[in-house]
Amino acid sequence: MELGNILVTGATGQVGRRLVSALLLEGCPVSILTRDPEAARTLWGDQPVAVRAGDLTDLHRLESICDSIDTLFHLASYAPRPDEADLYNASSHWPVTAEGTANLMARVAQSAIQRQIYVSTIKVMGAQAGAPGYPADETLTPKPDSLYGRAKLAAEQRVLETGRAAGIQSTILRLPMVYGLDGKGNLSRMIAAIAAGRFPPWPRIDNRRSAIHIEDAVDAALLAVRHPASRGETYFVTDGRGYSTRWIYERILLALERPIPRWRTPLWMLQAAAAGGTIGERLLGRRLPLTLDGLDKLTGDDWYSSKKLEQTLGFIPKQSLETEIPRLVRRMLDPPFAAPVRRRDR
């Protein structure tokens, strides 16, 4: 299916950049929405990316943003600073993500756009993870427990409402942790911490968490936008596996060629350290390495099924953490990443 003229919001983010590059490889005419046109132009050099200046929080600056657009990929949301305390409850999530999407949809409803994809997050589900031993699917009702999750859910609802009212094919994709970011993201931070000896020997907790490679996430978006069966649907997008933090920890050690410790840090000790980190984060107003919220994410379940996407649209993930962890460790051990990552003699 021809996508016509395409607009991408959030194009300067990690997933957005890969999506724009994939669209350019297909020869698609791509425009991006950005608050900083000069900075955005440097990302693609001489490639034919049209830059449209605008701000989701300012309806007037979006007046002609959808002109001559046939397909919209909406990825933009508030991105907290790396050191910002309580990332998922930062106050800017609502005005940027929820209200900003409402502003964009007001323009979409007046446009000739035929199809749109909204890239959301499994954080809209809250602390749910389905029945014990099974990943959750799309039949589970979202119960977000953070401002980030509530803002994303509100944005989802506005996208689908606009699609129904204006006859636009609208699809929601909910992503878990995204890997394949080459030096960025939670997985890279975990590898760096383990390599530097700052990550404790992890307890054997049989939790399950979902993840998706950035290239598979982009493939899912391109598949869904072209498939008529995706109209009005919501999909979890995962690599089809459930990873425990302990499994990830051991695979990183093996990739670093280090022995797996015979002892493990007791959970109560991690909980005590996390409680102290939570108090410290509130007092200092900046992000600390371990808090109760962070520990909950490392020990709890966040496991979702992408069978609906696989069975109805034919999605087949190509990547897994089993191959990604060794690749990322090798990359981090090579210049310019090698400085903070050193092997230990066995």
C-alpha atoms as a PDB file:
ATOM      1  CA  MET A   1       0.000   0.000   0.000  1.00  0.00           C
ATOM      2  CA  GLU A   2       1.274   3.460  -0.922  1.00  0.00           C
ATOM      3  CA  LEU A   3       1.449   5.722   2.150  1.00  0.00           C
ATOM      4  CA  GLY A   4       1.515   9.005   0.235  1.00  0.00           C
ATOM      5  CA  ASN A   5       2.943  12.021   2.042  1.00  0.00           C
ATOM      6  CA  ILE A   6       3.971  11.142   5.586  1.00  0.00           C
ATOM      7  CA  LEU A   7       4.241  13.215   8.771  1.00  0.00           C
ATOM      8  CA  VAL A   8       6.222  11.881  11.748  1.00  0.00           C
ATOM      9  CA  THR A   9       6.044  13.470  15.206  1.00  0.00           C
ATOM     10  CA  GLY A  10       8.710  12.585  17.750  1.00  0.00           C
ATOM     11  CA  ALA A  11      11.071  12.012  14.836  1.00  0.00           C
ATOM     12  CA  THR A  12      14.148  13.125  16.781  1.00  0.00           C
ATOM     13  CA  GLY A  13      13.715  10.363  19.373  1.00  0.00           C
ATOM     14  CA  GLN A  14      15.394   6.973  19.086  1.00  0.00           C
ATOM     15  CA  VAL A  15      12.427   5.119  17.563  1.00  0.00           C
ATOM     16  CA  GLY A  16      11.423   8.140  15.489  1.00  0.00           C
ATOM     17  CA  ARG A  17      14.855   8.414  13.876  1.00  0.00           C
ATOM     18  CA  ARG A  18      14.855   4.754  12.863  1.00  0.00           C
ATOM     19  CA  LEU A  19      11.325   5.069  11.516  1.00  0.00           C
ATOM     20  CA  VAL A  20      12.205   8.098   9.384  1.00  0.00           C
ATOM     21  CA  SER A  21      15.295   6.298   8.053  1.00  0.00           C
ATOM     22  CA  ALA A  22      13.221   3.225   7.174  1.00  0.00           C
ATOM     23  CA  LEU A  23      10.651   5.365   5.349  1.00  0.00           C
ATOM     24  CA  LEU A  24      13.388   7.158   3.410  1.00  0.00           C
ATOM     25  CA  LEU A  25      14.853   3.807   2.339  1.00  0.00           C
ATOM     26  CA  GLU A  26      11.449   2.952   0.883  1.00  0.00           C
ATOM     27  CA  GLY A  27      11.472   6.220  -1.048  1.00  0.00           C
ATOM     28  CA  CYS A  28       8.584   7.728   0.906  1.00  0.00           C
ATOM     29  CA  PRO A  29       8.173  11.534   1.069  1.00  0.00           C
ATOM     30  CA  VAL A  30       8.651  12.314   4.780  1.00  0.00           C
ATOM     31  CA  SER A  31       7.947  15.459   6.799  1.00  0.00           C
ATOM     32  CA  ILE A  32       8.637  15.794  10.523  1.00  0.00           C
ATOM     33  CA  LEU A  33       7.125  17.998  13.201  1.00  0.00           C
ATOM     34  CA  THR A  34       9.656  19.619  15.520  1.00  0.00           C
ATOM     35  CA  ARG A  35      10.053  22.591  17.847  1.00  0.00           C
ATOM     36  CA  ASP A  36      13.690  22.997  16.752  1.00  0.00           C
ATOM     37  CA  PRO A  37      14.011  22.841  12.933  1.00  0.00           C
ATOM     38  CA  GLU A  38      17.719  23.699  12.836  1.00  0.00           C
ATOM     39  CA  ALA A  39      18.699  20.885  15.200  1.00  0.00           C
ATOM     40  CA  ALA A  40      16.411  18.421  13.419  1.00  0.00           C
ATOM     41  CA  ARG A  41      17.939  19.136  10.007  1.00  0.00           C
ATOM     42  CA  THR A  42      21.346  17.959  11.221  1.00  0.00           C
ATOM     43  CA  LEU A  43      20.037  14.444  11.923  1.00  0.00           C
ATOM     44  CA  TRP A  44      19.462  13.436   8.297  1.00  0.00           C
ATOM     45  CA  GLY A  45      21.998  15.600   6.482  1.00  0.00           C
ATOM     46  CA  ASP A  46      21.200  15.886   2.777  1.00  0.00           C
ATOM     47  CA  GLN A  47      18.398  13.329   2.863  1.00  0.00           C
ATOM     48  CA  PRO A  48      15.004  14.605   1.667  1.00  0.00           C
ATOM     49  CA  VAL A  49      13.275  15.218   5.003  1.00  0.00           C
ATOM     50  CA  ALA A  50      10.891  18.185   5.081  1.00  0.00           C
ATOM     51  CA  VAL A  51      10.896  19.973   8.434  1.00  0.00           C
ATOM     52  CA  ARG A  52       7.672  21.545   9.755  1.00  0.00           C
ATOM     53  CA  ALA A  53       7.999  23.768  12.801  1.00  0.00           C
ATOM     54  CA  GLY A  54       5.369  23.399  15.504  1.00  0.00           C
ATOM     55  CA  ASP A  55       4.666  22.661  19.150  1.00  0.00           C
ATOM     56  CA  LEU A  56       2.065  20.179  20.354  1.00  0.00           C
ATOM     57  CA  THR A  57       1.292  22.355  23.366  1.00  0.00           C
ATOM     58  CA  ASP A  58       0.370  25.331  21.147  1.00  0.00           C
ATOM     59  CA  LEU A  59      -2.684  24.704  18.969  1.00  0.00           C
ATOM     60  CA  HIS A  60      -2.052  27.848  16.913  1.00  0.00           C
ATOM     61  CA  ARG A  61       1.430  26.614  15.887  1.00  0.00           C
ATOM     62  CA  LEU A  62      -0.187  23.468  14.453  1.00  0.00           C
ATOM     63  CA  GLU A  63      -2.561  25.330  12.151  1.00  0.00           C
ATOM     64  CA  SER A  64      -1.276  23.959   8.813  1.00  0.00           C
ATOM     65  CA  ILE A  65       0.823  21.086  10.130  1.00  0.00           C
ATOM     66  CA  CYS A  66      -1.314  18.393   8.470  1.00  0.00           C
ATOM     67  CA  ASP A  67      -1.672  20.044   5.078  1.00  0.00           C
ATOM     68  CA  SER A  68      -1.062  17.637   2.161  1.00  0.00           C
ATOM     69  CA  ILE A  69      -0.424  14.733   4.578  1.00  0.00           C
ATOM     70  CA  ASP A  70      -1.857  11.259   3.910  1.00  0.00           C
ATOM     71  CA  THR A  71      -0.267   9.223   6.728  1.00  0.00           C
ATOM     72  CA  LEU A  72       0.626  10.220  10.296  1.00  0.00           C
ATOM     73  CA  PHE A  73       3.026   8.427  12.636  1.00  0.00           C
ATOM     74  CA  HIS A  74       2.547  10.050  16.040  1.00  0.00           C
ATOM     75  CA  LEU A  75       5.434   9.230  18.402  1.00  0.00           C
ATOM     76  CA  ALA A  76       5.894  12.538  20.236  1.00  0.00           C
ATOM     77  CA  SER A  77       5.540  12.687  24.022  1.00  0.00           C
ATOM     78  CA  TYR A  78       7.266  14.353  26.938  1.00  0.00           C
ATOM     79  CA  ALA A  79      10.850  13.121  27.424  1.00  0.00           C
ATOM     80  CA  PRO A  80      12.123  13.723  30.994  1.00  0.00           C
ATOM     81  CA  ARG A  81      15.746  14.677  31.582  1.00  0.00           C
ATOM     82  CA  PRO A  82      17.943  11.669  32.480  1.00  0.00           C
ATOM     83  CA  ASP A  83      18.464  13.069  36.005  1.00  0.00           C
ATOM     84  CA  GLU A  84      14.834  14.085  36.573  1.00  0.00           C
ATOM     85  CA  ALA A  85      13.349  12.672  39.780  1.00  0.00           C
ATOM     86  CA  ASP A  86      10.305  10.385  39.566  1.00  0.00           C
ATOM     87  CA  LEU A  87      10.435  10.132  35.769  1.00  0.00           C
ATOM     88  CA  TYR A  88       6.985   8.644  35.320  1.00  0.00           C
ATOM     89  CA  ASN A  89       5.230  11.328  37.347  1.00  0.00           C
ATOM     90  CA  ALA A  90       6.915  14.414  35.891  1.00  0.00           C
ATOM     91  CA  SER A  91       4.293  17.160  35.640  1.00  0.00           C
ATOM     92  CA  SER A  92       4.947  17.829  31.939  1.00  0.00           C
ATOM     93  CA  HIS A  93       3.630  14.431  30.827  1.00  0.00           C
ATOM     94  CA  TRP A  94       0.029  15.638  30.800  1.00  0.00           C
ATOM     95  CA  PRO A  95       0.321  18.956  28.893  1.00  0.00           C
ATOM     96  CA  VAL A  96       2.726  17.521  26.296  1.00  0.00           C
ATOM     97  CA  THR A  97       1.458  13.969  25.836  1.00  0.00           C
ATOM     98  CA  ALA A  98      -2.271  14.138  26.608  1.00  0.00           C
ATOM     99  CA  GLU A  99      -3.180  17.737  25.792  1.00  0.00           C
ATOM    100  CA  GLY A 100      -0.608  17.899  22.996  1.00  0.00           C
ATOM    101  CA  THR A 101      -2.149  14.869  21.307  1.00  0.00           C
ATOM    102  CA  ALA A 102      -5.599  16.432  21.665  1.00  0.00           C
ATOM    103  CA  ASN A 103      -4.286  19.544  19.900  1.00  0.00           C
ATOM    104  CA  LEU A 104      -2.777  17.461  17.107  1.00  0.00           C
ATOM    105  CA  MET A 105      -5.973  15.438  16.675  1.00  0.00           C
ATOM    106  CA  ALA A 106      -7.966  18.661  16.336  1.00  0.00           C
ATOM    107  CA  ARG A 107      -5.873  19.406  13.248  1.00  0.00           C
ATOM    108  CA  VAL A 108      -5.996  15.801  12.013  1.00  0.00           C
ATOM    109  CA  ALA A 109      -9.802  15.871  12.106  1.00  0.00           C
ATOM    110  CA  GLN A 110      -9.774  18.850   9.713  1.00  0.00           C
ATOM    111  CA  SER A 111      -7.227  17.261   7.341  1.00  0.00           C
ATOM    112  CA  ALA A 112      -7.205  14.730   4.509  1.00  0.00           C
ATOM    113  CA  ILE A 113      -5.153  12.207   6.513  1.00  0.00           C
ATOM    114  CA  GLN A 114      -6.264   8.655   5.728  1.00  0.00           C
ATOM    115  CA  ARG A 115      -4.356   6.584   8.290  1.00  0.00           C
ATOM    116  CA  GLN A 116      -2.453   7.137  11.530  1.00  0.00           C
ATOM    117  CA  ILE A 117      -0.357   5.122  13.959  1.00  0.00           C
ATOM    118  CA  TYR A 118       0.071   6.149  17.587  1.00  0.00           C
ATOM    119  CA  VAL A 119       3.098   4.641  19.339  1.00  0.00           C
ATOM    120  CA  SER A 120       2.160   4.224  22.986  1.00  0.00           C
ATOM    121  CA  THR A 121       3.530   2.183  25.900  1.00  0.00           C
ATOM    122  CA  ILE A 122       2.658  -0.791  28.084  1.00  0.00           C
ATOM    123  CA  LYS A 123       2.845   1.670  31.005  1.00  0.00           C
ATOM    124  CA  VAL A 124      -0.840   2.357  30.327  1.00  0.00           C
ATOM    125  CA  MET A 125      -1.489  -1.059  31.920  1.00  0.00           C
ATOM    126  CA  GLY A 126      -0.069  -0.101  35.315  1.00  0.00           C
ATOM    127  CA  ALA A 127       1.167  -2.879  37.566  1.00  0.00           C
ATOM    128  CA  GLN A 128      -0.853  -5.585  35.820  1.00  0.00           C
ATOM    129  CA  ALA A 129       0.779  -8.496  34.036  1.00  0.00           C
ATOM    130  CA  GLY A 130      -1.950 -11.043  33.382  1.00  0.00           C
ATOM    131  CA  ALA A 131      -2.571 -14.364  35.111  1.00  0.00           C
ATOM    132  CA  PRO A 132       0.356 -16.092  36.882  1.00  0.00           C
ATOM    133  CA  GLY A 133       2.480 -17.928  34.341  1.00  0.00           C
ATOM    134  CA  TYR A 134       0.899 -16.227  31.324  1.00  0.00           C
ATOM    135  CA  PRO A 135       1.554 -12.914  29.567  1.00  0.00           C
ATOM    136  CA  ALA A 136      -1.267 -10.377  29.509  1.00  0.00           C
ATOM    137  CA  ASP A 137      -3.067  -9.612  26.270  1.00  0.00           C
ATOM    138  CA  GLU A 138      -5.138  -6.729  24.906  1.00  0.00           C
ATOM    139  CA  THR A 139      -8.329  -7.907  26.645  1.00  0.00           C
ATOM    140  CA  LEU A 140      -6.962  -6.643  29.985  1.00  0.00           C
ATOM    141  CA  THR A 141      -8.351  -3.234  30.955  1.00  0.00           C
ATOM    142  CA  PRO A 142      -5.669  -0.535  31.335  1.00  0.00           C
ATOM    143  CA  LYS A 143      -5.114   0.720  34.889  1.00  0.00           C
ATOM    144  CA  PRO A 144      -2.247   3.207  34.686  1.00  0.00           C
ATOM    145  CA  ASP A 145      -0.542   3.966  38.002  1.00  0.00           C
ATOM    146  CA  SER A 146       1.630   6.902  36.883  1.00  0.00           C
ATOM    147  CA  LEU A 147       1.027  10.273  35.250  1.00  0.00           C
ATOM    148  CA  TYR A 148       3.000   9.039  32.240  1.00  0.00           C
ATOM    149  CA  GLY A 149       0.676   6.046  31.843  1.00  0.00           C
ATOM    150  CA  ARG A 150      -2.470   8.138  32.321  1.00  0.00           C
ATOM    151  CA  ALA A 151      -1.299  10.717  29.773  1.00  0.00           C
ATOM    152  CA  LYS A 152      -0.469   8.017  27.228  1.00  0.00           C
ATOM    153  CA  LEU A 153      -3.857   6.336  27.737  1.00  0.00           C
ATOM    154  CA  ALA A 154      -5.657   9.657  27.274  1.00  0.00           C
ATOM    155  CA  ALA A 155      -3.681  10.178  24.070  1.00  0.00           C
ATOM    156  CA  GLU A 156      -4.617   6.696  22.832  1.00  0.00           C
ATOM    157  CA  GLN A 157      -8.294   7.377  23.436  1.00  0.00           C
ATOM    158  CA  ARG A 158      -8.177  10.711  21.608  1.00  0.00           C
ATOM    159  CA  VAL A 159      -6.469   9.132  18.586  1.00  0.00           C
ATOM    160  CA  LEU A 160      -9.080   6.366  18.338  1.00  0.00           C
ATOM    161  CA  GLU A 161     -11.986   8.787  18.892  1.00  0.00           C
ATOM    162  CA  THR A 162     -10.698  11.054  16.138  1.00  0.00           C
ATOM    163  CA  GLY A 163     -10.257   8.091  13.822  1.00  0.00           C
ATOM    164  CA  ARG A 164     -13.826   6.899  14.353  1.00  0.00           C
ATOM    165  CA  ALA A 165     -15.343  10.368  13.912  1.00  0.00           C
ATOM    166  CA  ALA A 166     -13.296  11.320  10.841  1.00  0.00           C
ATOM    167  CA  GLY A 167     -13.157   7.914   9.147  1.00  0.00           C
ATOM    168  CA  ILE A 168      -9.372   7.633   9.561  1.00  0.00           C
ATOM    169  CA  GLN A 169      -7.683   4.238   9.917  1.00  0.00           C
ATOM    170  CA  SER A 170      -6.201   4.603  13.421  1.00  0.00           C
ATOM    171  CA  THR A 171      -4.033   2.064  15.230  1.00  0.00           C
ATOM    172  CA  ILE A 172      -2.377   1.969  18.661  1.00  0.00           C
ATOM    173  CA  LEU A 173       0.922   0.170  19.277  1.00  0.00           C
ATOM    174  CA  ARG A 174       1.981  -0.348  22.914  1.00  0.00           C
ATOM    175  CA  LEU A 175       5.717  -0.878  23.311  1.00  0.00           C
ATOM    176  CA  PRO A 176       7.592  -2.382  26.287  1.00  0.00           C
ATOM    177  CA  MET A 177      11.292  -1.706  26.964  1.00  0.00           C
ATOM    178  CA  VAL A 178      12.979  -0.965  23.633  1.00  0.00           C
ATOM    179  CA  TYR A 179      16.488  -2.296  23.050  1.00  0.00           C
ATOM    180  CA  GLY A 180      18.954  -2.027  20.189  1.00  0.00           C
ATOM    181  CA  LEU A 181      19.666   1.630  20.974  1.00  0.00           C
ATOM    182  CA  ASP A 182      23.502   1.342  20.907  1.00  0.00           C
ATOM    183  CA  GLY A 183      24.661   2.913  24.138  1.00  0.00           C
ATOM    184  CA  LYS A 184      21.333   4.356  25.309  1.00  0.00           C
ATOM    185  CA  GLY A 185      18.384   2.998  27.266  1.00  0.00           C
ATOM    186  CA  ASN A 186      17.909   0.845  30.360  1.00  0.00           C
ATOM    187  CA  LEU A 187      19.758  -2.194  28.979  1.00  0.00           C
ATOM    188  CA  SER A 188      22.878  -0.189  28.165  1.00  0.00           C
ATOM    189  CA  ARG A 189      22.817   1.424  31.612  1.00  0.00           C
ATOM    190  CA  MET A 190      22.555  -2.014  33.213  1.00  0.00           C
ATOM    191  CA  ILE A 191      25.499  -3.316  31.181  1.00  0.00           C
ATOM    192  CA  ALA A 192      27.587  -0.285  32.132  1.00  0.00           C
ATOM    193  CA  ALA A 193      26.724  -0.715  35.828  1.00  0.00           C
ATOM    194  CA  ILE A 194      27.605  -4.431  35.813  1.00  0.00           C
ATOM    195  CA  ALA A 195      30.841  -3.778  33.917  1.00  0.00           C
ATOM    196  CA  ALA A 196      31.830  -1.100  36.434  1.00  0.00           C
ATOM    197  CA  GLY A 197      30.971  -3.304  39.434  1.00  0.00           C
ATOM    198  CA  ARG A 198      28.075  -1.080  40.494  1.00  0.00           C
ATOM    199  CA  PHE A 199      25.321  -3.693  40.051  1.00  0.00           C
ATOM    200  CA  PRO A 200      24.863  -6.174  42.948  1.00  0.00           C
ATOM    201  CA  PRO A 201      24.721  -9.963  42.452  1.00  0.00           C
ATOM    202  CA  TRP A 202      21.037 -10.216  41.609  1.00  0.00           C
ATOM    203  CA  PRO A 203      18.669 -12.545  43.522  1.00  0.00           C
ATOM    204  CA  ARG A 204      16.931 -15.413  41.744  1.00  0.00           C
ATOM    205  CA  ILE A 205      13.484 -13.890  41.248  1.00  0.00           C
ATOM    206  CA  ASP A 206      11.464 -15.540  38.497  1.00  0.00           C
ATOM    207  CA  ASN A 207       9.857 -12.392  37.151  1.00  0.00           C
ATOM    208  CA  ARG A 208       9.000 -11.896  33.477  1.00  0.00           C
ATOM    209  CA  ARG A 209       9.355  -8.696  31.472  1.00  0.00           C
ATOM    210  CA  SER A 210       8.676  -7.978  27.821  1.00  0.00           C
ATOM    211  CA  ALA A 211      10.973  -6.153  25.423  1.00  0.00           C
ATOM    212  CA  ILE A 212      11.222  -5.283  21.727  1.00  0.00           C
ATOM    213  CA  HIS A 213      14.127  -4.483  19.428  1.00  0.00           C
ATOM    214  CA  ILE A 214      13.910  -1.021  17.873  1.00  0.00           C
ATOM    215  CA  GLU A 215      14.021  -2.458  14.354  1.00  0.00           C
ATOM    216  CA  ASP A 216      11.144  -4.815  15.127  1.00  0.00           C
ATOM    217  CA  ALA A 217       9.167  -1.901  16.605  1.00  0.00           C
ATOM    218  CA  VAL A 218       9.633   0.051  13.363  1.00  0.00           C
ATOM    219  CA  ASP A 219       8.663  -3.017  11.299  1.00  0.00           C
ATOM    220  CA  ALA A 220       5.476  -3.376  13.370  1.00  0.00           C
ATOM    221  CA  ALA A 221       4.535   0.261  12.740  1.00  0.00           C
ATOM    222  CA  LEU A 222       5.093  -0.082   8.985  1.00  0.00           C
ATOM    223  CA  LEU A 223       3.120  -3.340   8.917  1.00  0.00           C
ATOM    224  CA  ALA A 224       0.177  -1.980  10.893  1.00  0.00           C
ATOM    225  CA  VAL A 225      -0.171   1.254   8.936  1.00  0.00           C
ATOM    226  CA  ARG A 226      -0.487  -0.700   5.670  1.00  0.00           C
ATOM    227  CA  HIS A 227      -2.904  -3.363   6.925  1.00  0.00           C
ATOM    228  CA  PRO A 228      -6.641  -2.536   6.757  1.00  0.00           C
ATOM    229  CA  ALA A 229      -7.367  -5.017   9.578  1.00  0.00           C
ATOM    230  CA  SER A 230      -5.542  -2.707  11.999  1.00  0.00           C
ATOM    231  CA  ARG A 231      -8.292  -0.054  11.855  1.00  0.00           C
ATOM    232  CA  GLY A 232      -9.388   0.880  15.372  1.00  0.00           C
ATOM    233  CA  GLU A 233      -7.179  -1.807  16.947  1.00  0.00           C
ATOM    234  CA  THR A 234      -4.664  -1.762  19.811  1.00  0.00           C
ATOM    235  CA  TYR A 235      -1.658  -4.097  19.846  1.00  0.00           C
ATOM    236  CA  PHE A 236       1.116  -5.050  22.243  1.00  0.00           C
ATOM    237  CA  VAL A 237       4.415  -5.224  20.353  1.00  0.00           C
ATOM    238  CA  THR A 238       7.025  -7.561  21.888  1.00  0.00           C
ATOM    239  CA  ASP A 239       9.710  -9.964  20.731  1.00  0.00           C
ATOM    240  CA  GLY A 240       7.553 -12.826  22.026  1.00  0.00           C
ATOM    241  CA  ARG A 241       9.683 -13.655  25.073  1.00  0.00           C
ATOM    242  CA  GLY A 242       9.565 -12.998  28.801  1.00  0.00           C
ATOM    243  CA  TYR A 243      12.886 -12.086  30.430  1.00  0.00           C
ATOM    244  CA  SER A 244      13.749 -12.203  34.121  1.00  0.00           C
ATOM    245  CA  THR A 245      16.163  -9.639  35.515  1.00  0.00           C
ATOM    246  CA  ARG A 246      18.324 -12.504  36.785  1.00  0.00           C
ATOM    247  CA  TRP A 247      18.499 -14.004  33.267  1.00  0.00           C
ATOM    248  CA  ILE A 248      19.556 -10.646  31.805  1.00  0.00           C
ATOM    249  CA  TYR A 249      22.125 -10.195  34.599  1.00  0.00           C
ATOM    250  CA  GLU A 250      23.709 -13.598  33.923  1.00  0.00           C
ATOM    251  CA  ARG A 251      23.792 -13.097  30.146  1.00  0.00           C
ATOM    252  CA  ILE A 252      25.566  -9.764  30.594  1.00  0.00           C
ATOM    253  CA  LEU A 253      28.197 -11.371  32.849  1.00  0.00           C
ATOM    254  CA  LEU A 254      28.765 -14.150  30.334  1.00  0.00           C
ATOM    255  CA  ALA A 255      29.129 -11.619  27.525  1.00  0.00           C
ATOM    256  CA  LEU A 256      31.652  -9.712  29.646  1.00  0.00           C
ATOM    257  CA  GLU A 257      33.497 -13.020  30.196  1.00  0.00           C
ATOM    258  CA  ARG A 258      33.027 -12.811  33.949  1.00  0.00           C
ATOM    259  CA  PRO A 259      32.053 -15.602  36.326  1.00  0.00           C
ATOM    260  CA  ILE A 260      28.552 -15.663  37.774  1.00  0.00           C
ATOM    261  CA  PRO A 261      28.861 -14.954  41.550  1.00  0.00           C
ATOM    262  CA  ARG A 262      28.030 -17.821  43.881  1.00  0.00           C
ATOM    263  CA  TRP A 263      26.294 -15.489  46.309  1.00  0.00           C
ATOM    264  CA  ARG A 264      23.276 -13.235  45.758  1.00  0.00           C
ATOM    265  CA  THR A 265      22.165  -9.998  47.372  1.00  0.00           C
ATOM    266  CA  PRO A 266      19.171 -10.619  49.680  1.00  0.00           C
ATOM    267  CA  LEU A 267      15.974  -8.945  48.517  1.00  0.00           C
ATOM    268  CA  TRP A 268      15.474  -7.235  51.887  1.00  0.00           C
ATOM    269  CA  MET A 269      18.847  -5.531  51.488  1.00  0.00           C
ATOM    270  CA  LEU A 270      17.877  -4.215  48.056  1.00  0.00           C
ATOM    271  CA  GLN A 271      14.562  -3.008  49.474  1.00  0.00           C
ATOM    272  CA  ALA A 272      16.322  -1.128  52.274  1.00  0.00           C
ATOM    273  CA  ALA A 273      18.717   0.512  49.825  1.00  0.00           C
ATOM    274  CA  ALA A 274      15.830   1.396  47.505  1.00  0.00           C
ATOM    275  CA  ALA A 275      13.863   2.977  50.365  1.00  0.00           C
ATOM    276  CA  GLY A 276      16.875   5.154  51.138  1.00  0.00           C
ATOM    277  CA  GLY A 277      17.181   6.054  47.468  1.00  0.00           C
ATOM    278  CA  THR A 278      13.534   7.074  47.305  1.00  0.00           C
ATOM    279  CA  ILE A 279      13.931   9.415  50.268  1.00  0.00           C
ATOM    280  CA  GLY A 280      17.167  10.810  48.853  1.00  0.00           C
ATOM    281  CA  GLU A 281      15.596  11.409  45.437  1.00  0.00           C
ATOM    282  CA  ARG A 282      12.794  13.446  47.007  1.00  0.00           C
ATOM    283  CA  LEU A 283      15.203  15.484  49.110  1.00  0.00           C
ATOM    284  CA  LEU A 284      17.714  16.128  46.322  1.00  0.00           C
ATOM    285  CA  GLY A 285      15.193  16.534  43.496  1.00  0.00           C
ATOM    286  CA  ARG A 286      17.222  14.425  41.083  1.00  0.00           C
ATOM    287  CA  ARG A 287      17.247  10.827  39.914  1.00  0.00           C
ATOM    288  CA  LEU A 288      19.162   8.262  41.982  1.00  0.00           C
ATOM    289  CA  PRO A 289      20.311   4.793  40.807  1.00  0.00           C
ATOM    290  CA  LEU A 290      17.970   2.717  42.986  1.00  0.00           C
ATOM    291  CA  THR A 291      14.529   3.649  44.329  1.00  0.00           C
ATOM    292  CA  LEU A 292      11.512   1.611  45.375  1.00  0.00           C
ATOM    293  CA  ASP A 293       9.868   2.300  42.030  1.00  0.00           C
ATOM    294  CA  GLY A 294      13.012   1.231  40.176  1.00  0.00           C
ATOM    295  CA  LEU A 295      13.355  -1.919  42.276  1.00  0.00           C
ATOM    296  CA  ASP A 296       9.745  -2.813  41.591  1.00  0.00           C
ATOM    297  CA  LYS A 297      10.455  -2.655  37.860  1.00  0.00           C
ATOM    298  CA  LEU A 298      13.485  -4.923  38.289  1.00  0.00           C
ATOM    299  CA  THR A 299      11.713  -7.518  40.437  1.00  0.00           C
ATOM    300  CA  GLY A 300       8.107  -7.351  39.204  1.00  0.00           C
ATOM    301  CA  ASP A 301       6.339  -8.711  36.140  1.00  0.00           C
ATOM    302  CA  ASP A 302       5.696  -6.659  33.012  1.00  0.00           C
ATOM    303  CA  TRP A 303       4.919  -9.451  30.586  1.00  0.00           C
ATOM    304  CA  TYR A 304       2.662  -9.042  27.560  1.00  0.00           C
ATOM    305  CA  SER A 305       1.678 -11.125  24.558  1.00  0.00           C
ATOM    306  CA  SER A 306       1.977  -9.932  20.958  1.00  0.00           C
ATOM    307  CA  LYS A 307       0.047 -12.901  19.535  1.00  0.00           C
ATOM    308  CA  LYS A 308      -2.783 -10.654  18.345  1.00  0.00           C
ATOM    309  CA  LEU A 309      -0.322  -8.695  16.205  1.00  0.00           C
ATOM    310  CA  GLU A 310       1.304 -11.891  14.980  1.00  0.00           C
ATOM    311  CA  GLN A 311      -1.928 -13.718  14.159  1.00  0.00           C
ATOM    312  CA  THR A 312      -3.951 -10.894  12.616  1.00  0.00           C
ATOM    313  CA  LEU A 313      -1.249  -8.893  10.812  1.00  0.00           C
ATOM    314  CA  GLY A 314       1.503 -11.493  10.387  1.00  0.00           C
ATOM    315  CA  PHE A 315       4.090  -9.737  12.547  1.00  0.00           C
ATOM    316  CA  ILE A 316       7.272 -11.799  13.061  1.00  0.00           C
ATOM    317  CA  PRO A 317       9.921 -10.357  15.421  1.00  0.00           C
ATOM    318  CA  LYS A 318      13.460 -10.963  14.191  1.00  0.00           C
ATOM    319  CA  GLN A 319      15.517 -10.017  17.250  1.00  0.00           C
ATOM    320  CA  SER A 320      15.889 -11.138  20.879  1.00  0.00           C
ATOM    321  CA  LEU A 321      17.941 -10.191  23.921  1.00  0.00           C
ATOM    322  CA  GLU A 322      19.777 -13.490  23.559  1.00  0.00           C
ATOM    323  CA  THR A 323      21.629 -12.080  20.550  1.00  0.00           C
ATOM    324  CA  GLU A 324      21.385  -8.397  21.445  1.00  0.00           C
ATOM    325  CA  ILE A 325      23.212  -8.556  24.800  1.00  0.00           C
ATOM    326  CA  PRO A 326      26.475 -10.010  23.403  1.00  0.00           C
ATOM    327  CA  ARG A 327      26.341  -7.589  20.452  1.00  0.00           C
ATOM    328  CA  LEU A 328      25.798  -4.581  22.715  1.00  0.00           C
ATOM    329  CA  VAL A 329      28.549  -5.663  25.119  1.00  0.00           C
ATOM    330  CA  ARG A 330      30.979  -6.033  22.207  1.00  0.00           C
ATOM    331  CA  ARG A 331      30.038  -2.580  20.984  1.00  0.00           C
ATOM    332  CA  MET A 332      30.486  -1.051  24.431  1.00  0.00           C
ATOM    333  CA  LEU A 333      33.907  -2.689  24.772  1.00  0.00           C
ATOM    334  CA  ASP A 334      35.061  -1.047  21.535  1.00  0.00           C
ATOM    335  CA  PRO A 335      36.031   2.631  21.272  1.00  0.00           C
ATOM    336  CA  PRO A 336      34.493   5.085  21.970  1.00  0.00           C
ATOM    337  CA  PHE A 337      32.464   3.102  24.516  1.00  0.00           C
ATOM    338  CA  ALA A 338      35.387   1.239  26.075  1.00  0.00           C
ATOM    339  CA  ALA A 339      36.460   3.853  28.615  1.00  0.00           C
ATOM    340  CA  PRO A 340      33.945   3.084  31.398  1.00  0.00           C
ATOM    341  CA  VAL A 341      33.753  -0.639  30.634  1.00  0.00           C
ATOM    342  CA  ARG A 342      36.675  -2.836  31.645  1.00  0.00           C
ATOM    343  CA  ARG A 343      37.076  -6.584  31.786  1.00  0.00           C
ATOM    344  CA  ARG A 344      38.196  -8.152  35.030  1.00  0.00           C
ATOM    345  CA  ASP A 345      40.876 -10.803  35.097  1.00  0.00           C
ATOM    346  CA  ARG A 346      39.426 -14.177  35.927  1.00  0.00           C
END
